[in-house]
Amino acid sequence: MKIVFSRKGFDSSSGGGPSPILEGHPVSLPIPAGTASATTYGDLGLGDHAAKASKGKLGAGDLCHHDPVFLEGGTCVFGQHSAAQTHLERQGVGLGDVFLFFGLFAEEQTSEAHHRIFGYLRVEETIPLADGIPADLIDIAHPHALAMHSANDVIWRGEGRTANRASDSLRLSVPGGPPSLWQRPDWLKRGGLSYHDRADRWLRGNRLRSVARGQEFVADIGRRRAPREWLETKIAKINRS
């Protein structure tokens, strides 16, 4: 089994700033989009938040890359392509594996930006879009269904939800530290997370200096009990919030 730490939403280079935490509720702002989108920030009710986070560079009328899409009933639809999709394939990610979506967030009244988990997807289906685009994906205006992003464009679909509360247990960054400095679980050791092989990233005190860029970081947990219990705790926290 694999756990995929999947970076999504606004940050300093994509959008211009962190997504907001509003009255304890994390609101992930989708990154700006080019032409392969039919959804604006205004459509999602995020126009004012996008304008504030981007310092006025974006607003209600701007198109956004609304992905992953979380549907009523507890389904998540996520598209990936190009090098990031190739990485998922090489790491053997597939049915039954879990994406933990994380991003950069900050409370409105504070300036401390940090990484936190805001949603998940338990993979039940993969759809290579080169084989044809299902009509239901077009109906929900998923950006990867409106225009293929590359030859290996794939939709990942399954059970998934977002957190309604910014629980401390879903925070990745250490308190007071830079966003890239994570408090890692005991089970996550050097060699166990893709793109993080360098020894100087694995620090004392169960800390990890995460890479500055990149989308999909894969942990192959096999049949180990501890990471499975950790994962189910995070999913339960998201579903209870």
Protein backbone atom coordinates (compact mmCIF):
# COMPACT_ATOMS: atom_id res chain seq x y z
CA MET A 1 0.00 0.00 0.00
CA LYS A 2 1.14 3.56 -0.75
CA ILE A 3 0.40 6.89 0.88
CA VAL A 4 0.83 9.87 -1.45
CA PHE A 5 1.46 13.29 0.08
CA SER A 6 -0.01 15.44 -2.72
CA ARG A 7 0.69 19.19 -2.71
CA LYS A 8 -2.23 21.31 -3.92
CA GLY A 9 -3.51 24.88 -3.84
CA PHE A 10 -2.04 28.34 -3.39
CA ASP A 11 1.50 29.00 -2.24
CA SER A 12 4.07 31.77 -2.70
CA SER A 13 4.72 30.85 -6.35
CA SER A 14 1.29 29.52 -7.40
CA GLY A 15 -1.25 32.17 -6.50
CA GLY A 16 0.99 34.34 -4.38
CA GLY A 17 0.22 33.38 -0.78
CA PRO A 18 -1.27 30.77 1.54
CA SER A 19 -4.85 29.57 1.46
CA PRO A 20 -6.90 30.93 4.35
CA ILE A 21 -8.18 29.33 7.52
CA LEU A 22 -11.53 31.03 8.13
CA GLU A 23 -13.05 30.68 11.60
CA GLY A 24 -11.19 27.41 11.99
CA HIS A 25 -12.12 26.13 8.52
CA PRO A 26 -9.29 25.48 6.01
CA VAL A 27 -10.25 26.74 2.54
CA SER A 28 -7.93 25.45 -0.18
CA LEU A 29 -7.68 27.95 -3.04
CA PRO A 30 -7.16 26.26 -6.45
CA ILE A 31 -4.19 27.51 -8.43
CA PRO A 32 -4.77 29.87 -11.38
CA ALA A 33 -5.63 28.23 -14.69
CA GLY A 34 -5.03 28.95 -18.34
CA THR A 35 -7.66 28.19 -20.94
CA ALA A 36 -8.29 24.59 -19.78
CA SER A 37 -10.92 25.60 -17.26
CA ALA A 38 -14.57 26.59 -17.16
CA THR A 39 -14.55 27.54 -13.48
CA THR A 40 -13.76 30.94 -11.97
CA TYR A 41 -12.94 31.74 -8.38
CA GLY A 42 -16.29 33.51 -8.29
CA ASP A 43 -18.08 30.31 -9.31
CA LEU A 44 -16.68 28.66 -6.19
CA GLY A 45 -17.45 31.60 -3.94
CA LEU A 46 -13.72 32.24 -3.51
CA GLY A 47 -13.30 35.54 -5.37
CA ASP A 48 -12.59 37.71 -2.31
CA HIS A 49 -10.28 35.10 -0.78
CA ALA A 50 -8.31 34.70 -4.01
CA ALA A 51 -7.95 38.47 -4.28
CA LYS A 52 -6.67 38.76 -0.72
CA ALA A 53 -4.26 35.81 -0.94
CA SER A 54 -2.88 36.97 -4.29
CA LYS A 55 -2.63 40.62 -3.16
CA GLY A 56 -5.08 41.69 -5.84
CA LYS A 57 -3.56 39.81 -8.76
CA LEU A 58 -6.52 37.44 -9.00
CA GLY A 59 -10.21 37.87 -8.45
CA ALA A 60 -13.70 36.49 -8.93
CA GLY A 61 -13.51 36.58 -12.73
CA ASP A 62 -10.25 34.69 -13.08
CA LEU A 63 -10.21 31.04 -14.12
CA CYS A 64 -8.87 28.49 -11.65
CA HIS A 65 -7.65 24.90 -11.91
CA HIS A 66 -10.41 23.38 -9.77
CA ASP A 67 -8.73 20.06 -8.98
CA PRO A 68 -9.15 17.89 -6.97
CA VAL A 69 -12.93 18.12 -7.11
CA PHE A 70 -14.82 16.91 -4.03
CA LEU A 71 -18.40 15.94 -4.79
CA GLU A 72 -21.42 15.57 -2.54
CA GLY A 73 -21.68 12.04 -1.21
CA GLY A 74 -17.99 11.69 -0.44
CA THR A 75 -16.34 11.24 -3.85
CA CYS A 76 -13.11 12.87 -5.00
CA VAL A 77 -12.03 13.30 -8.63
CA PHE A 78 -8.39 14.22 -9.20
CA GLY A 79 -6.38 14.62 -12.41
CA GLN A 80 -2.64 14.20 -12.88
CA HIS A 81 -0.36 14.19 -15.93
CA SER A 82 3.16 14.63 -17.33
CA ALA A 83 6.13 14.06 -14.99
CA ALA A 84 4.02 13.88 -11.83
CA GLN A 85 1.79 11.16 -13.33
CA THR A 86 4.86 9.27 -14.56
CA HIS A 87 6.26 9.41 -11.02
CA LEU A 88 3.05 7.94 -9.60
CA GLU A 89 3.20 5.12 -12.14
CA ARG A 90 6.87 4.37 -11.45
CA GLN A 91 6.15 4.27 -7.73
CA GLY A 92 3.40 1.73 -8.34
CA VAL A 93 0.54 3.86 -7.04
CA GLY A 94 -2.82 2.32 -7.87
CA LEU A 95 -6.14 1.02 -6.60
CA GLY A 96 -6.48 1.00 -2.82
CA ASP A 97 -3.75 3.57 -2.29
CA VAL A 98 -4.48 6.91 -0.61
CA PHE A 99 -3.70 10.52 -1.53
CA LEU A 100 -3.39 12.93 1.38
CA PHE A 101 -3.80 16.41 -0.09
CA PHE A 102 -1.82 19.12 1.68
CA GLY A 103 -1.15 22.78 1.04
CA LEU A 104 0.05 26.06 2.48
CA PHE A 105 -2.40 27.70 4.91
CA ALA A 106 -2.48 30.58 7.37
CA GLU A 107 -4.93 31.91 9.92
CA GLU A 108 -6.37 35.26 8.93
CA GLN A 109 -5.23 36.93 12.12
CA THR A 110 -1.68 35.55 12.09
CA SER A 111 1.19 35.54 9.63
CA GLU A 112 2.46 32.02 10.34
CA ALA A 113 2.00 30.04 7.13
CA HIS A 114 2.25 26.27 7.44
CA HIS A 115 1.60 23.04 5.57
CA ARG A 116 -1.41 21.00 6.57
CA ILE A 117 -3.47 18.09 5.25
CA PHE A 118 -6.90 19.28 4.08
CA GLY A 119 -8.38 16.27 2.28
CA TYR A 120 -7.94 12.72 1.03
CA LEU A 121 -8.72 10.36 -1.83
CA ARG A 122 -8.88 6.58 -1.45
CA VAL A 123 -8.30 5.35 -5.01
CA GLU A 124 -11.06 3.13 -6.41
CA GLU A 125 -10.65 3.85 -10.13
CA THR A 126 -8.13 5.25 -12.60
CA ILE A 127 -9.21 6.61 -15.98
CA PRO A 128 -6.59 7.20 -18.71
CA LEU A 129 -8.14 10.07 -20.67
CA ALA A 130 -6.34 9.03 -23.85
CA ASP A 131 -8.87 6.16 -24.00
CA GLY A 132 -11.80 8.58 -24.00
CA ILE A 133 -13.30 11.16 -21.67
CA PRO A 134 -16.37 10.04 -19.67
CA ALA A 135 -19.35 12.35 -20.01
CA ASP A 136 -19.80 12.69 -16.24
CA LEU A 137 -16.37 14.33 -15.97
CA ILE A 138 -17.38 16.87 -18.60
CA ASP A 139 -20.64 17.47 -16.73
CA ILE A 140 -18.76 18.52 -13.58
CA ALA A 141 -16.38 20.68 -15.68
CA HIS A 142 -13.31 18.88 -14.44
CA PRO A 143 -10.36 20.72 -16.05
CA HIS A 144 -8.64 17.52 -17.19
CA ALA A 145 -11.84 16.45 -18.97
CA LEU A 146 -12.24 19.79 -20.75
CA ALA A 147 -8.79 19.61 -22.34
CA MET A 148 -6.16 16.91 -22.05
CA HIS A 149 -3.03 18.26 -20.41
CA SER A 150 -0.67 15.64 -21.87
CA ALA A 151 -0.67 12.21 -23.47
CA ASN A 152 -0.58 10.49 -20.07
CA ASP A 153 -3.43 12.48 -18.51
CA VAL A 154 -5.18 10.30 -15.90
CA ILE A 155 -8.16 10.77 -13.59
CA TRP A 156 -7.97 9.23 -10.13
CA ARG A 157 -11.35 8.71 -8.48
CA GLY A 158 -12.75 7.26 -5.27
CA GLU A 159 -13.87 8.02 -1.74
CA GLY A 160 -12.68 11.43 -0.61
CA ARG A 161 -13.57 14.43 1.53
CA THR A 162 -12.14 17.67 2.87
CA ALA A 163 -11.69 18.73 6.48
CA ASN A 164 -14.10 21.27 7.91
CA ARG A 165 -11.82 22.08 10.84
CA ALA A 166 -8.12 22.95 10.93
CA SER A 167 -7.23 20.31 13.47
CA ASP A 168 -3.73 20.41 14.98
CA SER A 169 -3.41 16.71 14.16
CA LEU A 170 -3.62 17.51 10.42
CA ARG A 171 -0.80 20.05 10.57
CA LEU A 172 2.49 18.95 9.00
CA SER A 173 4.77 21.94 9.72
CA VAL A 174 6.34 22.22 13.18
CA PRO A 175 5.00 25.13 15.26
CA GLY A 176 7.08 28.24 14.80
CA GLY A 177 9.15 26.72 12.01
CA PRO A 178 9.21 27.32 8.29
CA PRO A 179 6.43 25.53 6.38
CA SER A 180 8.92 23.07 4.85
CA LEU A 181 10.01 21.75 8.27
CA TRP A 182 7.64 18.91 9.11
CA GLN A 183 7.05 16.89 12.24
CA ARG A 184 7.14 13.40 10.76
CA PRO A 185 5.52 10.29 12.25
CA ASP A 186 7.74 7.64 13.86
CA TRP A 187 7.12 5.17 11.05
CA LEU A 188 8.44 7.49 8.31
CA LYS A 189 12.19 6.97 7.96
CA ARG A 190 14.86 7.98 5.47
CA GLY A 191 14.38 6.06 2.22
CA GLY A 192 10.65 5.81 2.81
CA LEU A 193 9.46 8.89 0.91
CA SER A 194 10.12 9.63 -2.74
CA TYR A 195 12.10 12.81 -3.58
CA HIS A 196 13.46 12.85 -0.01
CA ASP A 197 16.52 10.60 -0.14
CA ARG A 198 19.10 13.19 0.97
CA ALA A 199 20.38 12.51 4.47
CA ASP A 200 20.30 16.19 5.47
CA ARG A 201 16.53 16.25 5.08
CA TRP A 202 16.05 13.77 7.94
CA LEU A 203 16.65 15.66 11.17
CA ARG A 204 16.71 14.80 14.83
CA GLY A 205 13.49 14.93 16.78
CA ASN A 206 11.48 13.21 14.06
CA ARG A 207 11.68 16.22 11.77
CA LEU A 208 11.80 16.30 7.98
CA ARG A 209 12.86 19.16 5.75
CA SER A 210 10.47 18.68 2.83
CA VAL A 211 11.45 19.58 -0.73
CA ALA A 212 10.56 23.09 -1.88
CA ARG A 213 8.81 22.04 -5.07
CA GLY A 214 7.11 18.90 -6.33
CA GLN A 215 3.59 17.53 -6.27
CA GLU A 216 3.49 13.86 -5.35
CA PHE A 217 5.61 12.33 -2.56
CA VAL A 218 5.05 8.59 -2.23
CA ALA A 219 5.53 6.45 0.88
CA ASP A 220 5.37 2.69 0.29
CA ILE A 221 4.09 1.36 3.62
CA GLY A 222 3.58 -2.23 2.49
CA ARG A 223 1.69 -4.20 5.12
CA ARG A 224 3.08 -2.34 8.12
CA ARG A 225 0.58 -1.72 10.88
CA ALA A 226 1.84 1.59 12.30
CA PRO A 227 1.51 3.69 9.12
CA ARG A 228 -1.89 2.17 8.35
CA GLU A 229 -3.12 3.14 11.81
CA TRP A 230 -1.65 6.64 11.38
CA LEU A 231 -3.39 7.00 8.01
CA GLU A 232 -6.78 5.87 9.28
CA THR A 233 -6.47 8.32 12.18
CA LYS A 234 -5.95 11.18 9.72
CA ILE A 235 -8.87 10.10 7.54
CA ALA A 236 -11.11 9.74 10.58
CA LYS A 237 -10.14 13.24 11.73
CA ILE A 238 -11.04 14.66 8.29
CA ASN A 239 -14.38 12.83 8.28
CA ARG A 240 -15.26 13.89 11.82
CA SER A 241 -14.40 17.54 11.34
